[in-house]
Amino acid sequence: MVRVPKGPALRLGMQDERVPLIRARFGLDVTPDGDHTYDEKVAAAVADFQREHGLAADGILGAQTLAALGGGVTTSGRLEADILANMERWRWLPADLGDRHISVNIPAYMVRVLDRGEVIHEARVIVGKPETPTPVFSDVMRHVVVNPYWNVPPSILRNEFLPRMAQDPDYAARRGYEVIRRGNSISIRQPPGERNALGHIKFMFPNQHAVYLHDTPSRSLFKRGERAFSHGCVRVDDPFTFAEIVLGEAWPQSRMKKLIGKSERLVRLPELIPIHLTYFTLVVTDEGKLVRYPDIYSHDQRVAAALRDLH
């Protein structure tokens, strides 16, 4: 395994003494002595490597790509351990995923709707930050809420709102939130609207984690390669197309969008749909290629350690 030293990010056309090592790492033709150009062939090889490892396939040799190249993640022992960890997580899934079901792969930052094994829709998602990870579990999607209120979760209420309201009692109200007091308890919610943290629509599968899928007003974050920014819920790109698929023919996008700006509306799914929030860092494509995604929550390491302890 050829090791490529650390250095500045390399882009197409740049000159760097590490280029011959990169060419050797990918088995590319040797160039004449003194030619250290980061050319199109090198950039294409780097982009292929990035794609296989779940990185943004921009062909730029940055710090993250360099770490994947030389950090040992490609060694056979580590790969074997990660494969076993992913297979173990497969074992935790229900034996019957459902003929029609929804699958969120957290490390891939993607949601898919599958019908009898065929992917009929997929979209980018934003998942929980490492300190507020999206949980891994299976449930059943039951209804959609249009123009939802956002009820501030207890953790955010406790850590963010209450300390500021202790200094400024009007802090929440001045920012458009509704403060509800019941005896000694207090709750805060954000009314529907353009600034609502849930956007225009949320997809509900009531669960002990208080996690769901929803729209977001922060659209620009979907352009990022790594999308772990939430407090645990899953934000969905193109939510109205997703809604049209899960709600069926009776609720085309045009009908759904006519509700925007009105009061909160609950729409029940004509058929309950199983949903699986999964965590697979290794995926095999239809072409038989192994693709690796970042282990953003270090689940692979913990599962691999637990499996070693069993032996």
C-alpha atoms as a PDB file:
ATOM      1  CA  MET A   1       0.000   0.000   0.000  1.00  0.00           C
ATOM      2  CA  VAL A   2       1.549   3.273  -1.161  1.00  0.00           C
ATOM      3  CA  ARG A   3       1.326   5.976   1.510  1.00  0.00           C
ATOM      4  CA  VAL A   4       0.629   9.537   0.360  1.00  0.00           C
ATOM      5  CA  PRO A   5       2.015  12.187   2.778  1.00  0.00           C
ATOM      6  CA  LYS A   6      -0.130  15.003   4.127  1.00  0.00           C
ATOM      7  CA  GLY A   7      -0.134  18.327   2.331  1.00  0.00           C
ATOM      8  CA  PRO A   8      -2.352  21.005   0.821  1.00  0.00           C
ATOM      9  CA  ALA A   9      -5.503  20.038  -1.084  1.00  0.00           C
ATOM     10  CA  LEU A  10      -4.801  19.167  -4.710  1.00  0.00           C
ATOM     11  CA  ARG A  11      -7.007  20.254  -7.596  1.00  0.00           C
ATOM     12  CA  LEU A  12      -6.926  19.693 -11.343  1.00  0.00           C
ATOM     13  CA  GLY A  13      -3.876  21.310 -12.942  1.00  0.00           C
ATOM     14  CA  MET A  14      -1.880  21.814  -9.746  1.00  0.00           C
ATOM     15  CA  GLN A  15       1.750  20.745  -9.376  1.00  0.00           C
ATOM     16  CA  ASP A  16       2.855  18.696  -6.364  1.00  0.00           C
ATOM     17  CA  GLU A  17       5.681  16.265  -5.600  1.00  0.00           C
ATOM     18  CA  ARG A  18       3.145  13.765  -4.220  1.00  0.00           C
ATOM     19  CA  VAL A  19       1.477  13.227  -7.610  1.00  0.00           C
ATOM     20  CA  PRO A  20       3.737  10.272  -8.640  1.00  0.00           C
ATOM     21  CA  LEU A  21       2.815   8.559  -5.350  1.00  0.00           C
ATOM     22  CA  ILE A  22      -0.872   9.126  -6.041  1.00  0.00           C
ATOM     23  CA  ARG A  23      -0.463   7.671  -9.531  1.00  0.00           C
ATOM     24  CA  ALA A  24       1.286   4.644  -8.037  1.00  0.00           C
ATOM     25  CA  ARG A  25      -1.449   4.277  -5.406  1.00  0.00           C
ATOM     26  CA  PHE A  26      -4.089   3.935  -8.142  1.00  0.00           C
ATOM     27  CA  GLY A  27      -1.960   1.963 -10.602  1.00  0.00           C
ATOM     28  CA  LEU A  28      -1.898   4.716 -13.226  1.00  0.00           C
ATOM     29  CA  ASP A  29       0.740   4.961 -15.935  1.00  0.00           C
ATOM     30  CA  VAL A  30       4.040   6.462 -14.808  1.00  0.00           C
ATOM     31  CA  THR A  31       4.673   9.937 -16.236  1.00  0.00           C
ATOM     32  CA  PRO A  32       8.071  11.263 -17.363  1.00  0.00           C
ATOM     33  CA  ASP A  33      10.431  12.337 -14.589  1.00  0.00           C
ATOM     34  CA  GLY A  34       9.679  15.777 -13.260  1.00  0.00           C
ATOM     35  CA  ASP A  35       6.004  15.788 -14.300  1.00  0.00           C
ATOM     36  CA  HIS A  36       4.097  16.385 -11.086  1.00  0.00           C
ATOM     37  CA  THR A  37       0.832  17.560 -12.664  1.00  0.00           C
ATOM     38  CA  TYR A  38      -2.432  16.632 -10.966  1.00  0.00           C
ATOM     39  CA  ASP A  39      -4.065  15.858 -14.305  1.00  0.00           C
ATOM     40  CA  GLU A  40      -7.494  14.595 -15.401  1.00  0.00           C
ATOM     41  CA  LYS A  41      -6.588  10.895 -15.035  1.00  0.00           C
ATOM     42  CA  VAL A  42      -5.436  11.410 -11.456  1.00  0.00           C
ATOM     43  CA  ALA A  43      -8.487  13.503 -10.585  1.00  0.00           C
ATOM     44  CA  ALA A  44     -10.799  10.872 -12.117  1.00  0.00           C
ATOM     45  CA  ALA A  45      -9.120   8.082 -10.114  1.00  0.00           C
ATOM     46  CA  VAL A  46      -9.491  10.133  -6.925  1.00  0.00           C
ATOM     47  CA  ALA A  47     -13.159  10.813  -7.734  1.00  0.00           C
ATOM     48  CA  ASP A  48     -13.809   7.069  -8.214  1.00  0.00           C
ATOM     49  CA  PHE A  49     -12.146   6.378  -4.856  1.00  0.00           C
ATOM     50  CA  GLN A  50     -14.250   9.079  -3.176  1.00  0.00           C
ATOM     51  CA  ARG A  51     -17.439   7.670  -4.659  1.00  0.00           C
ATOM     52  CA  GLU A  52     -16.636   4.178  -3.389  1.00  0.00           C
ATOM     53  CA  HIS A  53     -15.953   5.532   0.103  1.00  0.00           C
ATOM     54  CA  GLY A  54     -19.040   7.711   0.438  1.00  0.00           C
ATOM     55  CA  LEU A  55     -17.160  10.988   0.030  1.00  0.00           C
ATOM     56  CA  ALA A  56     -18.058  13.923  -2.205  1.00  0.00           C
ATOM     57  CA  ALA A  57     -16.779  12.791  -5.619  1.00  0.00           C
ATOM     58  CA  ASP A  58     -15.208  16.111  -6.625  1.00  0.00           C
ATOM     59  CA  GLY A  59     -11.770  14.718  -7.565  1.00  0.00           C
ATOM     60  CA  ILE A  60     -10.062  17.048  -5.087  1.00  0.00           C
ATOM     61  CA  LEU A  61      -7.489  15.396  -2.849  1.00  0.00           C
ATOM     62  CA  GLY A  62      -8.402  17.081   0.442  1.00  0.00           C
ATOM     63  CA  ALA A  63      -7.729  16.110   4.054  1.00  0.00           C
ATOM     64  CA  GLN A  64     -10.687  13.714   4.308  1.00  0.00           C
ATOM     65  CA  THR A  65      -9.821  11.866   1.109  1.00  0.00           C
ATOM     66  CA  LEU A  66      -6.175  11.714   2.100  1.00  0.00           C
ATOM     67  CA  ALA A  67      -7.141  10.203   5.455  1.00  0.00           C
ATOM     68  CA  ALA A  68      -9.237   7.559   3.704  1.00  0.00           C
ATOM     69  CA  LEU A  69      -6.328   6.798   1.362  1.00  0.00           C
ATOM     70  CA  GLY A  70      -3.714   6.298   4.053  1.00  0.00           C
ATOM     71  CA  GLY A  71      -5.501   5.946   7.337  1.00  0.00           C
ATOM     72  CA  GLY A  72      -5.860   2.196   7.327  1.00  0.00           C
ATOM     73  CA  VAL A  73      -9.579   2.175   6.512  1.00  0.00           C
ATOM     74  CA  THR A  74      -8.837   0.172   3.392  1.00  0.00           C
ATOM     75  CA  THR A  75      -6.856  -2.584   5.087  1.00  0.00           C
ATOM     76  CA  SER A  76      -8.350  -6.048   4.923  1.00  0.00           C
ATOM     77  CA  GLY A  77      -8.613  -6.500   8.697  1.00  0.00           C
ATOM     78  CA  ARG A  78     -10.541  -3.277   9.212  1.00  0.00           C
ATOM     79  CA  LEU A  79     -12.714  -3.939   6.165  1.00  0.00           C
ATOM     80  CA  GLU A  80     -13.583  -7.422   7.415  1.00  0.00           C
ATOM     81  CA  ALA A  81     -14.546  -6.030  10.845  1.00  0.00           C
ATOM     82  CA  ASP A  82     -16.733  -3.356   9.248  1.00  0.00           C
ATOM     83  CA  ILE A  83     -18.443  -5.897   6.982  1.00  0.00           C
ATOM     84  CA  LEU A  84     -19.233  -8.059  10.011  1.00  0.00           C
ATOM     85  CA  ALA A  85     -20.562  -5.010  11.906  1.00  0.00           C
ATOM     86  CA  ASN A  86     -22.853  -4.127   8.991  1.00  0.00           C
ATOM     87  CA  MET A  87     -24.039  -7.726   8.664  1.00  0.00           C
ATOM     88  CA  GLU A  88     -24.817  -7.760  12.385  1.00  0.00           C
ATOM     89  CA  ARG A  89     -26.974  -4.652  11.992  1.00  0.00           C
ATOM     90  CA  TRP A  90     -28.777  -6.339   9.094  1.00  0.00           C
ATOM     91  CA  ARG A  91     -29.618  -9.139  11.520  1.00  0.00           C
ATOM     92  CA  TRP A  92     -31.376  -6.650  13.809  1.00  0.00           C
ATOM     93  CA  LEU A  93     -33.850  -5.642  11.093  1.00  0.00           C
ATOM     94  CA  PRO A  94     -37.291  -7.303  10.871  1.00  0.00           C
ATOM     95  CA  ALA A  95     -37.335 -10.451   8.745  1.00  0.00           C
ATOM     96  CA  ASP A  96     -40.079  -8.853   6.622  1.00  0.00           C
ATOM     97  CA  LEU A  97     -39.271  -5.247   5.701  1.00  0.00           C
ATOM     98  CA  GLY A  98     -42.613  -4.875   3.927  1.00  0.00           C
ATOM     99  CA  ASP A  99     -43.375  -5.148   0.211  1.00  0.00           C
ATOM    100  CA  ARG A 100     -43.613  -1.361   0.165  1.00  0.00           C
ATOM    101  CA  HIS A 101     -41.408   0.344   2.713  1.00  0.00           C
ATOM    102  CA  ILE A 102     -39.275   3.393   3.485  1.00  0.00           C
ATOM    103  CA  SER A 103     -35.576   3.073   4.249  1.00  0.00           C
ATOM    104  CA  VAL A 104     -33.351   5.825   5.622  1.00  0.00           C
ATOM    105  CA  ASN A 105     -29.625   5.024   5.525  1.00  0.00           C
ATOM    106  CA  ILE A 106     -28.141   7.461   8.023  1.00  0.00           C
ATOM    107  CA  PRO A 107     -24.449   7.348   6.907  1.00  0.00           C
ATOM    108  CA  ALA A 108     -25.498   7.697   3.251  1.00  0.00           C
ATOM    109  CA  TYR A 109     -27.742  10.689   4.054  1.00  0.00           C
ATOM    110  CA  MET A 110     -30.452   9.192   1.826  1.00  0.00           C
ATOM    111  CA  VAL A 111     -34.081   8.092   2.068  1.00  0.00           C
ATOM    112  CA  ARG A 112     -35.580   5.581  -0.344  1.00  0.00           C
ATOM    113  CA  VAL A 113     -39.084   4.305  -0.972  1.00  0.00           C
ATOM    114  CA  LEU A 114     -39.054   0.710  -2.209  1.00  0.00           C
ATOM    115  CA  ASP A 115     -41.885  -1.288  -3.770  1.00  0.00           C
ATOM    116  CA  ARG A 116     -41.207  -5.037  -4.045  1.00  0.00           C
ATOM    117  CA  GLY A 117     -37.470  -4.438  -4.088  1.00  0.00           C
ATOM    118  CA  GLU A 118     -37.564  -1.632  -6.670  1.00  0.00           C
ATOM    119  CA  VAL A 119     -36.536   1.891  -5.663  1.00  0.00           C
ATOM    120  CA  ILE A 120     -39.412   4.166  -6.716  1.00  0.00           C
ATOM    121  CA  HIS A 121     -38.122   7.327  -5.047  1.00  0.00           C
ATOM    122  CA  GLU A 122     -34.972   8.540  -3.335  1.00  0.00           C
ATOM    123  CA  ALA A 123     -33.941  11.867  -1.871  1.00  0.00           C
ATOM    124  CA  ARG A 124     -31.205  13.457   0.186  1.00  0.00           C
ATOM    125  CA  VAL A 125     -31.722  13.792   3.899  1.00  0.00           C
ATOM    126  CA  ILE A 126     -30.139  15.626   6.817  1.00  0.00           C
ATOM    127  CA  VAL A 127     -29.611  13.516   9.939  1.00  0.00           C
ATOM    128  CA  GLY A 128     -28.614  14.053  13.552  1.00  0.00           C
ATOM    129  CA  LYS A 129     -25.270  15.461  14.615  1.00  0.00           C
ATOM    130  CA  PRO A 130     -22.846  13.050  16.322  1.00  0.00           C
ATOM    131  CA  GLU A 131     -23.796  14.585  19.685  1.00  0.00           C
ATOM    132  CA  THR A 132     -27.537  14.231  18.898  1.00  0.00           C
ATOM    133  CA  PRO A 133     -27.586  11.115  16.684  1.00  0.00           C
ATOM    134  CA  THR A 134     -30.593   9.851  14.764  1.00  0.00           C
ATOM    135  CA  PRO A 135     -31.644   6.558  16.412  1.00  0.00           C
ATOM    136  CA  VAL A 136     -31.672   3.256  14.542  1.00  0.00           C
ATOM    137  CA  PHE A 137     -35.057   1.490  14.687  1.00  0.00           C
ATOM    138  CA  SER A 138     -38.082   0.329  12.682  1.00  0.00           C
ATOM    139  CA  ASP A 139     -41.648   1.594  12.934  1.00  0.00           C
ATOM    140  CA  VAL A 140     -44.732   2.304  10.809  1.00  0.00           C
ATOM    141  CA  MET A 141     -45.540   5.638   9.144  1.00  0.00           C
ATOM    142  CA  ARG A 142     -49.142   6.540   9.903  1.00  0.00           C
ATOM    143  CA  HIS A 143     -49.922  10.124   8.907  1.00  0.00           C
ATOM    144  CA  VAL A 144     -48.648  13.408   7.484  1.00  0.00           C
ATOM    145  CA  VAL A 145     -49.113  16.841   9.069  1.00  0.00           C
ATOM    146  CA  VAL A 146     -49.276  19.908   6.829  1.00  0.00           C
ATOM    147  CA  ASN A 147     -48.533  23.342   8.353  1.00  0.00           C
ATOM    148  CA  PRO A 148     -47.195  21.729  11.525  1.00  0.00           C
ATOM    149  CA  TYR A 149     -46.496  23.406  14.817  1.00  0.00           C
ATOM    150  CA  TRP A 150     -42.989  22.734  16.105  1.00  0.00           C
ATOM    151  CA  ASN A 151     -43.135  21.729  19.734  1.00  0.00           C
ATOM    152  CA  VAL A 152     -39.689  22.529  21.131  1.00  0.00           C
ATOM    153  CA  PRO A 153     -38.192  19.238  22.429  1.00  0.00           C
ATOM    154  CA  PRO A 154     -37.436  19.034  26.172  1.00  0.00           C
ATOM    155  CA  SER A 155     -33.665  18.938  25.594  1.00  0.00           C
ATOM    156  CA  ILE A 156     -33.684  22.132  23.501  1.00  0.00           C
ATOM    157  CA  LEU A 157     -36.130  23.759  25.912  1.00  0.00           C
ATOM    158  CA  ARG A 158     -33.901  22.910  28.863  1.00  0.00           C
ATOM    159  CA  ASN A 159     -30.529  23.721  27.286  1.00  0.00           C
ATOM    160  CA  GLU A 160     -31.355  26.673  25.038  1.00  0.00           C
ATOM    161  CA  PHE A 161     -34.662  28.394  25.778  1.00  0.00           C
ATOM    162  CA  LEU A 162     -35.027  28.310  29.567  1.00  0.00           C
ATOM    163  CA  PRO A 163     -31.552  29.749  30.350  1.00  0.00           C
ATOM    164  CA  ARG A 164     -32.197  32.665  27.979  1.00  0.00           C
ATOM    165  CA  MET A 165     -35.743  33.186  29.262  1.00  0.00           C
ATOM    166  CA  ALA A 166     -34.366  33.357  32.797  1.00  0.00           C
ATOM    167  CA  GLN A 167     -32.461  36.462  31.702  1.00  0.00           C
ATOM    168  CA  ASP A 168     -35.179  37.766  29.360  1.00  0.00           C
ATOM    169  CA  PRO A 169     -38.773  36.526  30.015  1.00  0.00           C
ATOM    170  CA  ASP A 170     -39.891  37.740  26.558  1.00  0.00           C
ATOM    171  CA  TYR A 171     -37.074  35.948  24.709  1.00  0.00           C
ATOM    172  CA  ALA A 172     -39.292  33.250  23.101  1.00  0.00           C
ATOM    173  CA  ALA A 173     -42.354  35.417  22.459  1.00  0.00           C
ATOM    174  CA  ARG A 174     -40.284  38.104  20.775  1.00  0.00           C
ATOM    175  CA  ARG A 175     -39.014  35.492  18.316  1.00  0.00           C
ATOM    176  CA  GLY A 176     -42.503  34.371  17.372  1.00  0.00           C
ATOM    177  CA  TYR A 177     -42.803  31.337  19.662  1.00  0.00           C
ATOM    178  CA  GLU A 178     -45.882  30.570  21.752  1.00  0.00           C
ATOM    179  CA  VAL A 179     -45.222  30.009  25.455  1.00  0.00           C
ATOM    180  CA  ILE A 180     -47.734  27.701  27.157  1.00  0.00           C
ATOM    181  CA  ARG A 181     -47.834  27.478  30.933  1.00  0.00           C
ATOM    182  CA  ARG A 182     -49.712  24.745  32.772  1.00  0.00           C
ATOM    183  CA  GLY A 183     -49.231  25.048  36.512  1.00  0.00           C
ATOM    184  CA  ASN A 184     -45.510  24.766  37.178  1.00  0.00           C
ATOM    185  CA  SER A 185     -44.717  23.351  33.751  1.00  0.00           C
ATOM    186  CA  ILE A 186     -43.882  25.287  30.604  1.00  0.00           C
ATOM    187  CA  SER A 187     -43.823  24.317  26.933  1.00  0.00           C
ATOM    188  CA  ILE A 188     -42.935  26.305  23.840  1.00  0.00           C
ATOM    189  CA  ARG A 189     -44.083  25.844  20.275  1.00  0.00           C
ATOM    190  CA  GLN A 190     -43.437  27.575  16.970  1.00  0.00           C
ATOM    191  CA  PRO A 191     -46.554  28.321  14.860  1.00  0.00           C
ATOM    192  CA  PRO A 192     -46.789  27.192  11.218  1.00  0.00           C
ATOM    193  CA  GLY A 193     -45.171  29.456   8.671  1.00  0.00           C
ATOM    194  CA  GLU A 194     -42.174  30.087   6.447  1.00  0.00           C
ATOM    195  CA  ARG A 195     -39.745  30.206   9.384  1.00  0.00           C
ATOM    196  CA  ASN A 196     -41.061  27.071  11.080  1.00  0.00           C
ATOM    197  CA  ALA A 197     -38.225  24.620  11.836  1.00  0.00           C
ATOM    198  CA  LEU A 198     -40.265  21.751  10.331  1.00  0.00           C
ATOM    199  CA  GLY A 199     -41.017  23.575   7.096  1.00  0.00           C
ATOM    200  CA  HIS A 200     -44.449  22.949   5.606  1.00  0.00           C
ATOM    201  CA  ILE A 201     -44.877  19.232   6.266  1.00  0.00           C
ATOM    202  CA  LYS A 202     -43.849  16.420   8.608  1.00  0.00           C
ATOM    203  CA  PHE A 203     -44.166  12.636   8.324  1.00  0.00           C
ATOM    204  CA  MET A 204     -45.188  10.862  11.509  1.00  0.00           C
ATOM    205  CA  PHE A 205     -44.487   7.380  12.879  1.00  0.00           C
ATOM    206  CA  PRO A 206     -45.047   7.980  16.618  1.00  0.00           C
ATOM    207  CA  ASN A 207     -42.200   6.421  18.606  1.00  0.00           C
ATOM    208  CA  GLN A 208     -40.409   6.575  21.948  1.00  0.00           C
ATOM    209  CA  HIS A 209     -37.567   8.617  20.432  1.00  0.00           C
ATOM    210  CA  ALA A 210     -39.870  11.474  19.320  1.00  0.00           C
ATOM    211  CA  VAL A 211     -38.178  11.292  15.904  1.00  0.00           C
ATOM    212  CA  TYR A 212     -39.874  11.883  12.545  1.00  0.00           C
ATOM    213  CA  LEU A 213     -39.186  13.035   8.967  1.00  0.00           C
ATOM    214  CA  HIS A 214     -39.899  16.623   7.993  1.00  0.00           C
ATOM    215  CA  ASP A 215     -39.367  19.525   5.605  1.00  0.00           C
ATOM    216  CA  THR A 216     -36.991  22.380   6.490  1.00  0.00           C
ATOM    217  CA  PRO A 217     -36.580  26.056   5.568  1.00  0.00           C
ATOM    218  CA  SER A 218     -32.779  25.539   5.450  1.00  0.00           C
ATOM    219  CA  ARG A 219     -32.627  24.229   1.889  1.00  0.00           C
ATOM    220  CA  SER A 220     -28.972  25.065   1.207  1.00  0.00           C
ATOM    221  CA  LEU A 221     -27.707  22.340   3.580  1.00  0.00           C
ATOM    222  CA  PHE A 222     -28.856  19.636   1.154  1.00  0.00           C
ATOM    223  CA  LYS A 223     -26.051  20.667  -1.218  1.00  0.00           C
ATOM    224  CA  ARG A 224     -23.409  19.558   1.281  1.00  0.00           C
ATOM    225  CA  GLY A 225     -21.724  16.176   0.990  1.00  0.00           C
ATOM    226  CA  GLU A 226     -21.892  15.483   4.731  1.00  0.00           C
ATOM    227  CA  ARG A 227     -25.293  16.318   6.195  1.00  0.00           C
ATOM    228  CA  ALA A 228     -25.318  15.604   9.934  1.00  0.00           C
ATOM    229  CA  PHE A 229     -26.817  18.855  11.281  1.00  0.00           C
ATOM    230  CA  SER A 230     -30.086  18.048  13.085  1.00  0.00           C
ATOM    231  CA  HIS A 231     -31.025  17.360  16.698  1.00  0.00           C
ATOM    232  CA  GLY A 232     -32.007  13.794  15.714  1.00  0.00           C
ATOM    233  CA  CYS A 233     -34.975  14.095  13.349  1.00  0.00           C
ATOM    234  CA  VAL A 234     -34.545  13.527   9.606  1.00  0.00           C
ATOM    235  CA  ARG A 235     -35.004  16.453   7.215  1.00  0.00           C
ATOM    236  CA  VAL A 236     -36.121  15.462   3.705  1.00  0.00           C
ATOM    237  CA  ASP A 237     -35.255  17.122   0.430  1.00  0.00           C
ATOM    238  CA  ASP A 238     -38.186  17.438  -2.029  1.00  0.00           C
ATOM    239  CA  PRO A 239     -40.783  16.660   0.695  1.00  0.00           C
ATOM    240  CA  PHE A 240     -43.861  17.166  -1.496  1.00  0.00           C
ATOM    241  CA  THR A 241     -42.770  14.505  -3.982  1.00  0.00           C
ATOM    242  CA  PHE A 242     -42.147  12.218  -1.016  1.00  0.00           C
ATOM    243  CA  ALA A 243     -45.626  13.066   0.358  1.00  0.00           C
ATOM    244  CA  GLU A 244     -47.266  12.328  -2.978  1.00  0.00           C
ATOM    245  CA  ILE A 245     -45.705   8.864  -2.991  1.00  0.00           C
ATOM    246  CA  VAL A 246     -46.613   7.894   0.582  1.00  0.00           C
ATOM    247  CA  LEU A 247     -50.151   9.368   0.422  1.00  0.00           C
ATOM    248  CA  GLY A 248     -51.067   8.014  -3.012  1.00  0.00           C
ATOM    249  CA  GLU A 249     -53.118   9.294  -5.929  1.00  0.00           C
ATOM    250  CA  ALA A 250     -55.699  11.084  -3.778  1.00  0.00           C
ATOM    251  CA  TRP A 251     -53.075  13.601  -2.645  1.00  0.00           C
ATOM    252  CA  PRO A 252     -51.070  14.945  -5.623  1.00  0.00           C
ATOM    253  CA  GLN A 253     -48.585  17.734  -4.936  1.00  0.00           C
ATOM    254  CA  SER A 254     -50.969  20.359  -6.311  1.00  0.00           C
ATOM    255  CA  ARG A 255     -53.642  19.467  -3.736  1.00  0.00           C
ATOM    256  CA  MET A 256     -51.121  19.302  -0.900  1.00  0.00           C
ATOM    257  CA  LYS A 257     -49.627  22.709  -1.726  1.00  0.00           C
ATOM    258  CA  LYS A 258     -53.072  24.364  -1.650  1.00  0.00           C
ATOM    259  CA  LEU A 259     -53.087  23.716   2.096  1.00  0.00           C
ATOM    260  CA  ILE A 260     -49.908  25.739   2.677  1.00  0.00           C
ATOM    261  CA  GLY A 261     -50.497  28.820   4.784  1.00  0.00           C
ATOM    262  CA  LYS A 262     -53.711  27.533   6.341  1.00  0.00           C
ATOM    263  CA  SER A 263     -54.220  25.837   9.714  1.00  0.00           C
ATOM    264  CA  GLU A 264     -52.512  22.605  10.764  1.00  0.00           C
ATOM    265  CA  ARG A 265     -53.969  19.608   8.892  1.00  0.00           C
ATOM    266  CA  LEU A 266     -53.487  15.891   9.594  1.00  0.00           C
ATOM    267  CA  VAL A 267     -53.717  13.531   6.597  1.00  0.00           C
ATOM    268  CA  ARG A 268     -53.753   9.794   7.279  1.00  0.00           C
ATOM    269  CA  LEU A 269     -51.915   7.405   4.953  1.00  0.00           C
ATOM    270  CA  PRO A 270     -54.320   5.145   3.012  1.00  0.00           C
ATOM    271  CA  GLU A 271     -52.059   2.239   3.986  1.00  0.00           C
ATOM    272  CA  LEU A 272     -49.544   2.149   6.814  1.00  0.00           C
ATOM    273  CA  ILE A 273     -45.962   1.972   5.490  1.00  0.00           C
ATOM    274  CA  PRO A 274     -43.098   0.323   7.414  1.00  0.00           C
ATOM    275  CA  ILE A 275     -40.143   2.666   7.877  1.00  0.00           C
ATOM    276  CA  HIS A 276     -36.636   1.583   8.808  1.00  0.00           C
ATOM    277  CA  LEU A 277     -34.008   4.021  10.071  1.00  0.00           C
ATOM    278  CA  THR A 278     -30.847   2.068   9.306  1.00  0.00           C
ATOM    279  CA  TYR A 279     -27.100   2.514   9.661  1.00  0.00           C
ATOM    280  CA  PHE A 280     -25.095   0.879   6.870  1.00  0.00           C
ATOM    281  CA  THR A 281     -21.603   2.187   6.160  1.00  0.00           C
ATOM    282  CA  LEU A 282     -21.000  -0.473   3.497  1.00  0.00           C
ATOM    283  CA  VAL A 283     -23.366  -1.001   0.579  1.00  0.00           C
ATOM    284  CA  VAL A 284     -23.052  -3.135  -2.546  1.00  0.00           C
ATOM    285  CA  THR A 285     -24.397  -1.478  -5.702  1.00  0.00           C
ATOM    286  CA  ASP A 286     -26.402  -3.235  -8.420  1.00  0.00           C
ATOM    287  CA  GLU A 287     -23.120  -3.474 -10.358  1.00  0.00           C
ATOM    288  CA  GLY A 288     -21.500  -5.380  -7.487  1.00  0.00           C
ATOM    289  CA  LYS A 289     -19.326  -2.482  -6.327  1.00  0.00           C
ATOM    290  CA  LEU A 290     -18.639  -2.015  -2.625  1.00  0.00           C
ATOM    291  CA  VAL A 291     -19.359   1.570  -1.498  1.00  0.00           C
ATOM    292  CA  ARG A 292     -18.256   2.894   1.893  1.00  0.00           C
ATOM    293  CA  TYR A 293     -19.941   5.720   3.790  1.00  0.00           C
ATOM    294  CA  PRO A 294     -18.463   7.602   6.768  1.00  0.00           C
ATOM    295  CA  ASP A 295     -19.063   6.016  10.174  1.00  0.00           C
ATOM    296  CA  ILE A 296     -20.397   9.307  11.524  1.00  0.00           C
ATOM    297  CA  TYR A 297     -21.523   7.893  14.883  1.00  0.00           C
ATOM    298  CA  SER A 298     -18.670   5.330  15.284  1.00  0.00           C
ATOM    299  CA  HIS A 299     -21.247   2.521  15.374  1.00  0.00           C
ATOM    300  CA  ASP A 300     -18.960   0.198  13.394  1.00  0.00           C
ATOM    301  CA  GLN A 301     -16.270   0.413  16.050  1.00  0.00           C
ATOM    302  CA  ARG A 302     -18.682  -0.303  18.897  1.00  0.00           C
ATOM    303  CA  VAL A 303     -20.403  -3.216  17.153  1.00  0.00           C
ATOM    304  CA  ALA A 304     -17.054  -4.712  16.102  1.00  0.00           C
ATOM    305  CA  ALA A 305     -15.793  -4.431  19.703  1.00  0.00           C
ATOM    306  CA  ALA A 306     -18.957  -6.100  21.009  1.00  0.00           C
ATOM    307  CA  LEU A 307     -18.588  -8.950  18.498  1.00  0.00           C
ATOM    308  CA  ARG A 308     -14.948  -9.453  19.534  1.00  0.00           C
ATOM    309  CA  ASP A 309     -16.031  -9.659  23.190  1.00  0.00           C
ATOM    310  CA  LEU A 310     -18.412 -12.485  22.285  1.00  0.00           C
ATOM    311  CA  HIS A 311     -15.442 -14.571  21.133  1.00  0.00           C
END
